[in-house]
Amino acid sequence: MTYDQIRVLHSLLGDIVLESLHLLDTDCVSRLDCEKEAKRQLYKIQETPDIQDSPKDSKDRPLYSRLCMIYPEYHCSCDFFIHSVVCEQTALMCRHVLATILYETLNDQQNNNVLNDDTFARILYTWNTSRS
């Protein structure tokens, strides 16, 4: 990405652009594929509770996982997405969704995991039951 492209994204989406790029730079994004012929995908984002922590502080903090889907519609398991994107409609997306879109766009697909149907279903079921 060029600096101008980042500036345009920042003018449209605000600080979540920088937060999303930080998630990519620190290899926090991975794609979970459900066996090759199924073509179902989830994205797992692991981050510390406060993304603004300095790198030395973040090593001592626990990692939190967020799950995102971007096809056919984008969804995220974070509170910001539920409140600001879905309920209040004050934001277009959260930093996790933008990070997954940039992950795909930039072809930074080094963290892809292919899972069998049962494992993929278990992850999706756990995500759905924890949200209700």
N, C-alpha and C. Protein backbone atom coordinates (compact mmCIF):
# COMPACT_ATOMS: atom_id res chain seq x y z
N MET A 1 0.84 -1.18 0.00
CA MET A 1 0.00 0.00 0.00
C MET A 1 0.88 1.24 0.00
N THR A 2 0.43 2.21 -0.73
CA THR A 2 1.17 3.47 -0.74
C THR A 2 0.69 4.37 0.39
N TYR A 3 1.48 5.36 0.69
CA TYR A 3 1.13 6.32 1.73
C TYR A 3 -0.17 7.05 1.37
N ASP A 4 -0.35 7.38 0.10
CA ASP A 4 -1.57 8.07 -0.33
C ASP A 4 -2.81 7.20 -0.14
N GLN A 5 -2.69 5.92 -0.41
CA GLN A 5 -3.82 5.01 -0.21
C GLN A 5 -4.18 4.91 1.27
N ILE A 6 -3.18 4.87 2.12
CA ILE A 6 -3.43 4.84 3.56
C ILE A 6 -4.10 6.13 4.01
N ARG A 7 -3.67 7.27 3.48
CA ARG A 7 -4.28 8.55 3.83
C ARG A 7 -5.74 8.60 3.41
N VAL A 8 -6.07 8.09 2.22
CA VAL A 8 -7.46 8.08 1.76
C VAL A 8 -8.30 7.19 2.68
N LEU A 9 -7.80 6.00 2.98
CA LEU A 9 -8.52 5.11 3.89
C LEU A 9 -8.71 5.77 5.25
N HIS A 10 -7.68 6.44 5.74
CA HIS A 10 -7.77 7.10 7.04
C HIS A 10 -8.80 8.21 7.02
N SER A 11 -8.89 8.95 5.93
CA SER A 11 -9.90 10.02 5.85
C SER A 11 -11.31 9.45 5.81
N LEU A 12 -11.47 8.25 5.29
CA LEU A 12 -12.80 7.62 5.23
C LEU A 12 -13.17 6.89 6.51
N LEU A 13 -12.21 6.19 7.11
CA LEU A 13 -12.51 5.29 8.21
C LEU A 13 -11.92 5.70 9.56
N GLY A 14 -11.02 6.65 9.57
CA GLY A 14 -10.44 7.11 10.84
C GLY A 14 -9.31 6.21 11.33
N ASP A 15 -9.15 6.20 12.64
CA ASP A 15 -8.01 5.51 13.26
C ASP A 15 -8.04 4.00 13.14
N ILE A 16 -9.18 3.41 12.76
CA ILE A 16 -9.18 1.95 12.64
C ILE A 16 -8.25 1.48 11.52
N VAL A 17 -7.92 2.36 10.59
CA VAL A 17 -6.98 1.99 9.53
C VAL A 17 -5.61 1.67 10.14
N LEU A 18 -5.14 2.55 11.02
CA LEU A 18 -3.85 2.33 11.66
C LEU A 18 -3.89 1.10 12.57
N GLU A 19 -5.00 0.93 13.28
CA GLU A 19 -5.14 -0.23 14.15
C GLU A 19 -5.16 -1.52 13.33
N SER A 20 -5.82 -1.50 12.18
CA SER A 20 -5.87 -2.68 11.31
C SER A 20 -4.49 -3.00 10.74
N LEU A 21 -3.78 -1.97 10.32
CA LEU A 21 -2.43 -2.19 9.80
C LEU A 21 -1.50 -2.73 10.88
N HIS A 22 -1.71 -2.28 12.12
CA HIS A 22 -0.93 -2.82 13.23
C HIS A 22 -1.20 -4.32 13.41
N LEU A 23 -2.46 -4.71 13.30
CA LEU A 23 -2.80 -6.14 13.41
C LEU A 23 -2.11 -6.95 12.32
N LEU A 24 -2.04 -6.40 11.12
CA LEU A 24 -1.36 -7.10 10.02
C LEU A 24 0.15 -7.14 10.24
N ASP A 25 0.71 -6.03 10.67
CA ASP A 25 2.16 -5.95 10.87
C ASP A 25 2.65 -6.90 11.96
N THR A 26 1.81 -7.16 12.94
CA THR A 26 2.20 -8.04 14.05
C THR A 26 1.72 -9.47 13.85
N ASP A 27 1.30 -9.81 12.63
CA ASP A 27 0.86 -11.18 12.27
C ASP A 27 -0.25 -11.70 13.18
N CYS A 28 -1.21 -10.85 13.49
CA CYS A 28 -2.33 -11.24 14.35
C CYS A 28 -3.49 -11.85 13.56
N VAL A 29 -3.46 -11.77 12.24
CA VAL A 29 -4.57 -12.22 11.41
C VAL A 29 -4.22 -13.56 10.77
N SER A 30 -5.15 -14.50 10.87
CA SER A 30 -4.98 -15.78 10.15
C SER A 30 -6.33 -16.19 9.57
N ARG A 31 -6.27 -16.90 8.47
CA ARG A 31 -7.50 -17.36 7.81
C ARG A 31 -7.68 -18.83 8.11
N LEU A 32 -8.92 -19.20 8.45
CA LEU A 32 -9.28 -20.58 8.70
C LEU A 32 -10.16 -21.05 7.55
N ASP A 33 -9.66 -21.98 6.76
CA ASP A 33 -10.40 -22.52 5.62
C ASP A 33 -10.98 -23.87 5.99
N CYS A 34 -12.21 -24.10 5.58
CA CYS A 34 -12.84 -25.40 5.79
C CYS A 34 -12.62 -26.24 4.54
N GLU A 35 -11.75 -27.19 4.62
CA GLU A 35 -11.40 -28.08 3.52
C GLU A 35 -11.59 -27.42 2.16
N LYS A 36 -10.76 -27.73 1.27
CA LYS A 36 -10.66 -26.99 0.01
C LYS A 36 -11.95 -26.92 -0.80
N GLU A 37 -12.73 -27.97 -0.87
CA GLU A 37 -13.93 -27.93 -1.72
C GLU A 37 -15.10 -27.20 -1.07
N ALA A 38 -15.09 -26.99 0.23
CA ALA A 38 -16.20 -26.33 0.91
C ALA A 38 -16.19 -24.81 0.68
N LYS A 39 -15.03 -24.21 0.58
CA LYS A 39 -14.87 -22.78 0.32
C LYS A 39 -15.50 -21.90 1.40
N ARG A 40 -15.54 -22.38 2.63
CA ARG A 40 -16.00 -21.56 3.76
C ARG A 40 -14.76 -21.03 4.47
N GLN A 41 -14.86 -19.77 4.92
CA GLN A 41 -13.70 -19.15 5.55
C GLN A 41 -14.11 -18.34 6.77
N LEU A 42 -13.27 -18.40 7.77
CA LEU A 42 -13.34 -17.51 8.93
C LEU A 42 -11.97 -16.88 9.08
N TYR A 43 -11.93 -15.77 9.74
CA TYR A 43 -10.66 -15.11 10.04
C TYR A 43 -10.53 -15.00 11.54
N LYS A 44 -9.37 -15.37 12.04
CA LYS A 44 -9.10 -15.30 13.47
C LYS A 44 -8.09 -14.18 13.70
N ILE A 45 -8.45 -13.27 14.58
CA ILE A 45 -7.58 -12.15 14.91
C ILE A 45 -7.23 -12.27 16.39
N GLN A 46 -5.96 -12.37 16.69
CA GLN A 46 -5.51 -12.44 18.08
C GLN A 46 -4.84 -11.13 18.43
N GLU A 47 -5.27 -10.54 19.54
CA GLU A 47 -4.71 -9.26 19.96
C GLU A 47 -4.75 -9.15 21.46
N THR A 48 -3.99 -8.21 21.98
CA THR A 48 -4.04 -7.92 23.40
C THR A 48 -5.27 -7.07 23.67
N PRO A 49 -5.72 -6.99 24.92
CA PRO A 49 -6.93 -6.20 25.21
C PRO A 49 -6.83 -4.75 24.78
N ASP A 50 -5.65 -4.15 24.86
CA ASP A 50 -5.48 -2.75 24.46
C ASP A 50 -4.46 -2.70 23.33
N ILE A 51 -4.93 -2.41 22.13
CA ILE A 51 -4.05 -2.42 20.96
C ILE A 51 -3.00 -1.32 21.03
N GLN A 52 -3.20 -0.33 21.87
CA GLN A 52 -2.26 0.78 21.97
C GLN A 52 -1.06 0.46 22.86
N ASP A 53 -1.02 -0.73 23.47
CA ASP A 53 0.10 -1.10 24.33
C ASP A 53 1.40 -1.08 23.55
N SER A 54 2.46 -0.79 24.25
CA SER A 54 3.77 -0.89 23.61
C SER A 54 4.10 -2.37 23.44
N PRO A 55 4.95 -2.71 22.47
CA PRO A 55 5.26 -4.12 22.22
C PRO A 55 5.80 -4.85 23.44
N LYS A 56 6.60 -4.20 24.28
CA LYS A 56 7.14 -4.92 25.44
C LYS A 56 6.05 -5.22 26.46
N ASP A 57 5.05 -4.33 26.60
CA ASP A 57 3.96 -4.59 27.52
C ASP A 57 3.01 -5.66 27.00
N SER A 58 2.85 -5.74 25.70
CA SER A 58 1.87 -6.67 25.14
C SER A 58 2.29 -8.12 25.28
N LYS A 59 3.58 -8.40 25.51
CA LYS A 59 4.02 -9.78 25.69
C LYS A 59 3.47 -10.38 26.97
N ASP A 60 3.25 -9.55 27.98
CA ASP A 60 2.78 -10.03 29.27
C ASP A 60 1.26 -10.11 29.35
N ARG A 61 0.58 -9.59 28.37
CA ARG A 61 -0.89 -9.57 28.41
C ARG A 61 -1.46 -10.79 27.71
N PRO A 62 -2.63 -11.24 28.16
CA PRO A 62 -3.25 -12.38 27.48
C PRO A 62 -3.75 -11.97 26.10
N LEU A 63 -3.79 -12.93 25.19
CA LEU A 63 -4.31 -12.67 23.85
C LEU A 63 -5.80 -12.98 23.81
N TYR A 64 -6.55 -12.15 23.11
CA TYR A 64 -7.96 -12.38 22.89
C TYR A 64 -8.16 -12.69 21.42
N SER A 65 -9.02 -13.65 21.15
CA SER A 65 -9.31 -14.01 19.76
C SER A 65 -10.64 -13.43 19.35
N ARG A 66 -10.67 -12.88 18.16
CA ARG A 66 -11.90 -12.42 17.54
C ARG A 66 -12.08 -13.22 16.27
N LEU A 67 -13.31 -13.52 15.94
CA LEU A 67 -13.59 -14.21 14.68
C LEU A 67 -14.33 -13.27 13.76
N CYS A 68 -13.96 -13.28 12.50
CA CYS A 68 -14.59 -12.42 11.50
C CYS A 68 -14.96 -13.24 10.28
N MET A 69 -16.02 -12.83 9.64
CA MET A 69 -16.39 -13.35 8.32
C MET A 69 -16.53 -12.13 7.42
N ILE A 70 -16.05 -12.22 6.18
CA ILE A 70 -16.24 -11.09 5.26
C ILE A 70 -17.03 -11.47 4.02
N TYR A 71 -17.29 -12.74 3.79
CA TYR A 71 -18.10 -13.16 2.65
C TYR A 71 -19.22 -14.05 3.14
N PRO A 72 -20.46 -13.91 2.74
CA PRO A 72 -21.02 -12.95 1.80
C PRO A 72 -21.22 -11.57 2.42
N GLU A 73 -21.33 -11.47 3.73
CA GLU A 73 -21.41 -10.19 4.42
C GLU A 73 -20.37 -10.22 5.53
N TYR A 74 -19.94 -9.05 5.95
CA TYR A 74 -18.93 -9.07 7.01
C TYR A 74 -19.56 -9.00 8.39
N HIS A 75 -18.97 -9.77 9.29
CA HIS A 75 -19.40 -9.84 10.69
C HIS A 75 -18.16 -10.02 11.55
N CYS A 76 -18.23 -9.52 12.77
CA CYS A 76 -17.12 -9.69 13.71
C CYS A 76 -17.70 -9.97 15.09
N SER A 77 -16.93 -10.66 15.91
CA SER A 77 -17.39 -11.02 17.24
C SER A 77 -17.05 -9.97 18.30
N CYS A 78 -16.47 -8.84 17.91
CA CYS A 78 -16.08 -7.83 18.92
C CYS A 78 -17.28 -6.95 19.30
N ASP A 79 -17.18 -6.36 20.49
CA ASP A 79 -18.25 -5.50 20.99
C ASP A 79 -18.42 -4.24 20.14
N PHE A 80 -17.33 -3.68 19.64
CA PHE A 80 -17.41 -2.48 18.81
C PHE A 80 -18.27 -2.74 17.58
N PHE A 81 -18.10 -3.90 16.95
CA PHE A 81 -18.88 -4.21 15.76
C PHE A 81 -20.37 -4.27 16.09
N ILE A 82 -20.70 -4.96 17.17
CA ILE A 82 -22.11 -5.10 17.56
C ILE A 82 -22.73 -3.73 17.86
N HIS A 83 -22.05 -2.94 18.68
CA HIS A 83 -22.62 -1.66 19.11
C HIS A 83 -22.53 -0.56 18.06
N SER A 84 -21.35 -0.33 17.52
CA SER A 84 -21.15 0.82 16.64
C SER A 84 -21.54 0.57 15.19
N VAL A 85 -21.37 -0.67 14.72
CA VAL A 85 -21.68 -0.96 13.32
C VAL A 85 -23.13 -1.42 13.16
N VAL A 86 -23.54 -2.38 13.98
CA VAL A 86 -24.88 -2.95 13.82
C VAL A 86 -25.95 -2.11 14.50
N CYS A 87 -25.79 -1.83 15.79
CA CYS A 87 -26.86 -1.16 16.54
C CYS A 87 -26.93 0.34 16.27
N GLU A 88 -25.85 1.04 16.54
CA GLU A 88 -25.87 2.50 16.41
C GLU A 88 -25.62 2.99 14.99
N GLN A 89 -25.01 2.16 14.17
CA GLN A 89 -24.67 2.49 12.78
C GLN A 89 -23.86 3.78 12.68
N THR A 90 -22.89 3.92 13.59
CA THR A 90 -22.01 5.09 13.58
C THR A 90 -20.65 4.79 12.95
N ALA A 91 -20.40 3.53 12.62
CA ALA A 91 -19.14 3.14 11.98
C ALA A 91 -19.44 2.16 10.85
N LEU A 92 -18.56 2.14 9.85
CA LEU A 92 -18.74 1.22 8.73
C LEU A 92 -18.27 -0.19 9.05
N MET A 93 -17.19 -0.28 9.84
CA MET A 93 -16.63 -1.58 10.20
C MET A 93 -15.70 -1.41 11.38
N CYS A 94 -15.32 -2.52 11.97
CA CYS A 94 -14.35 -2.49 13.06
C CYS A 94 -12.95 -2.75 12.51
N ARG A 95 -11.95 -2.61 13.36
CA ARG A 95 -10.56 -2.81 12.93
C ARG A 95 -10.30 -4.25 12.51
N HIS A 96 -11.04 -5.20 13.08
CA HIS A 96 -10.83 -6.61 12.75
C HIS A 96 -11.30 -6.91 11.33
N VAL A 97 -12.47 -6.39 10.97
CA VAL A 97 -12.99 -6.61 9.62
C VAL A 97 -12.08 -5.95 8.59
N LEU A 98 -11.66 -4.71 8.87
CA LEU A 98 -10.76 -4.04 7.93
C LEU A 98 -9.44 -4.80 7.81
N ALA A 99 -8.93 -5.32 8.91
CA ALA A 99 -7.69 -6.10 8.86
C ALA A 99 -7.85 -7.35 7.99
N THR A 100 -9.01 -8.00 8.06
CA THR A 100 -9.23 -9.19 7.23
C THR A 100 -9.35 -8.82 5.76
N ILE A 101 -10.00 -7.70 5.47
CA ILE A 101 -10.11 -7.25 4.08
C ILE A 101 -8.74 -6.89 3.53
N LEU A 102 -7.95 -6.18 4.31
CA LEU A 102 -6.59 -5.83 3.88
C LEU A 102 -5.71 -7.08 3.76
N TYR A 103 -5.92 -8.03 4.65
CA TYR A 103 -5.18 -9.31 4.60
C TYR A 103 -5.39 -9.99 3.25
N GLU A 104 -6.64 -10.03 2.81
CA GLU A 104 -6.95 -10.64 1.51
C GLU A 104 -6.45 -9.78 0.35
N THR A 105 -6.63 -8.48 0.47
CA THR A 105 -6.25 -7.57 -0.61
C THR A 105 -4.74 -7.54 -0.83
N LEU A 106 -3.99 -7.54 0.25
CA LEU A 106 -2.54 -7.46 0.16
C LEU A 106 -1.88 -8.82 -0.07
N ASN A 107 -2.69 -9.86 -0.19
CA ASN A 107 -2.19 -11.22 -0.41
C ASN A 107 -1.17 -11.64 0.64
N ASP A 108 -1.42 -11.24 1.86
CA ASP A 108 -0.54 -11.61 2.97
C ASP A 108 -1.07 -12.90 3.60
N GLN A 109 -1.14 -13.93 2.80
CA GLN A 109 -1.84 -15.15 3.22
C GLN A 109 -0.87 -16.21 3.73
N GLN A 110 0.04 -15.80 4.57
CA GLN A 110 0.99 -16.75 5.11
C GLN A 110 0.44 -17.52 6.30
N ASN A 111 -0.63 -17.03 6.92
CA ASN A 111 -1.18 -17.67 8.11
C ASN A 111 -2.50 -18.36 7.81
N ASN A 112 -2.57 -19.15 6.76
CA ASN A 112 -3.79 -19.87 6.42
C ASN A 112 -3.76 -21.26 7.04
N ASN A 113 -4.89 -21.67 7.59
CA ASN A 113 -5.02 -23.00 8.18
C ASN A 113 -6.21 -23.71 7.54
N VAL A 114 -6.00 -24.92 7.05
CA VAL A 114 -7.10 -25.71 6.48
C VAL A 114 -7.58 -26.66 7.57
N LEU A 115 -8.88 -26.58 7.87
CA LEU A 115 -9.48 -27.39 8.93
C LEU A 115 -10.47 -28.37 8.34
N ASN A 116 -10.68 -29.49 9.03
CA ASN A 116 -11.72 -30.42 8.58
C ASN A 116 -13.09 -29.86 8.97
N ASP A 117 -14.14 -30.47 8.43
CA ASP A 117 -15.51 -29.97 8.66
C ASP A 117 -15.87 -29.90 10.14
N ASP A 118 -15.51 -30.93 10.91
CA ASP A 118 -15.88 -30.97 12.33
C ASP A 118 -15.21 -29.85 13.12
N THR A 119 -13.94 -29.64 12.90
CA THR A 119 -13.22 -28.59 13.62
C THR A 119 -13.76 -27.21 13.24
N PHE A 120 -14.00 -26.99 11.96
CA PHE A 120 -14.54 -25.72 11.50
C PHE A 120 -15.93 -25.49 12.10
N ALA A 121 -16.77 -26.52 12.10
CA ALA A 121 -18.12 -26.40 12.67
C ALA A 121 -18.06 -26.12 14.17
N ARG A 122 -17.12 -26.75 14.87
CA ARG A 122 -16.98 -26.53 16.31
C ARG A 122 -16.59 -25.07 16.59
N ILE A 123 -15.68 -24.53 15.82
CA ILE A 123 -15.28 -23.12 15.99
C ILE A 123 -16.46 -22.19 15.72
N LEU A 124 -17.18 -22.45 14.65
CA LEU A 124 -18.33 -21.62 14.31
C LEU A 124 -19.44 -21.74 15.35
N TYR A 125 -19.68 -22.96 15.84
CA TYR A 125 -20.70 -23.17 16.87
C TYR A 125 -20.32 -22.44 18.16
N THR A 126 -19.06 -22.55 18.55
CA THR A 126 -18.60 -21.88 19.76
C THR A 126 -18.76 -20.37 19.64
N TRP A 127 -18.45 -19.83 18.46
CA TRP A 127 -18.60 -18.40 18.23
C TRP A 127 -20.07 -17.99 18.36
N ASN A 128 -20.96 -18.76 17.74
CA ASN A 128 -22.38 -18.41 17.76
C ASN A 128 -22.99 -18.55 19.15
N THR A 129 -22.60 -19.56 19.91
CA THR A 129 -23.18 -19.73 21.24
C THR A 129 -22.61 -18.74 22.24
N SER A 130 -21.38 -18.30 22.04
CA SER A 130 -20.80 -17.32 22.97
C SER A 130 -21.38 -15.93 22.74
N ARG A 131 -21.94 -15.67 21.58
CA ARG A 131 -22.52 -14.36 21.26
C ARG A 131 -23.95 -14.23 21.74
N SER A 132 -24.62 -15.33 22.03
CA SER A 132 -26.03 -15.24 22.42
C SER A 132 -26.22 -15.12 23.91
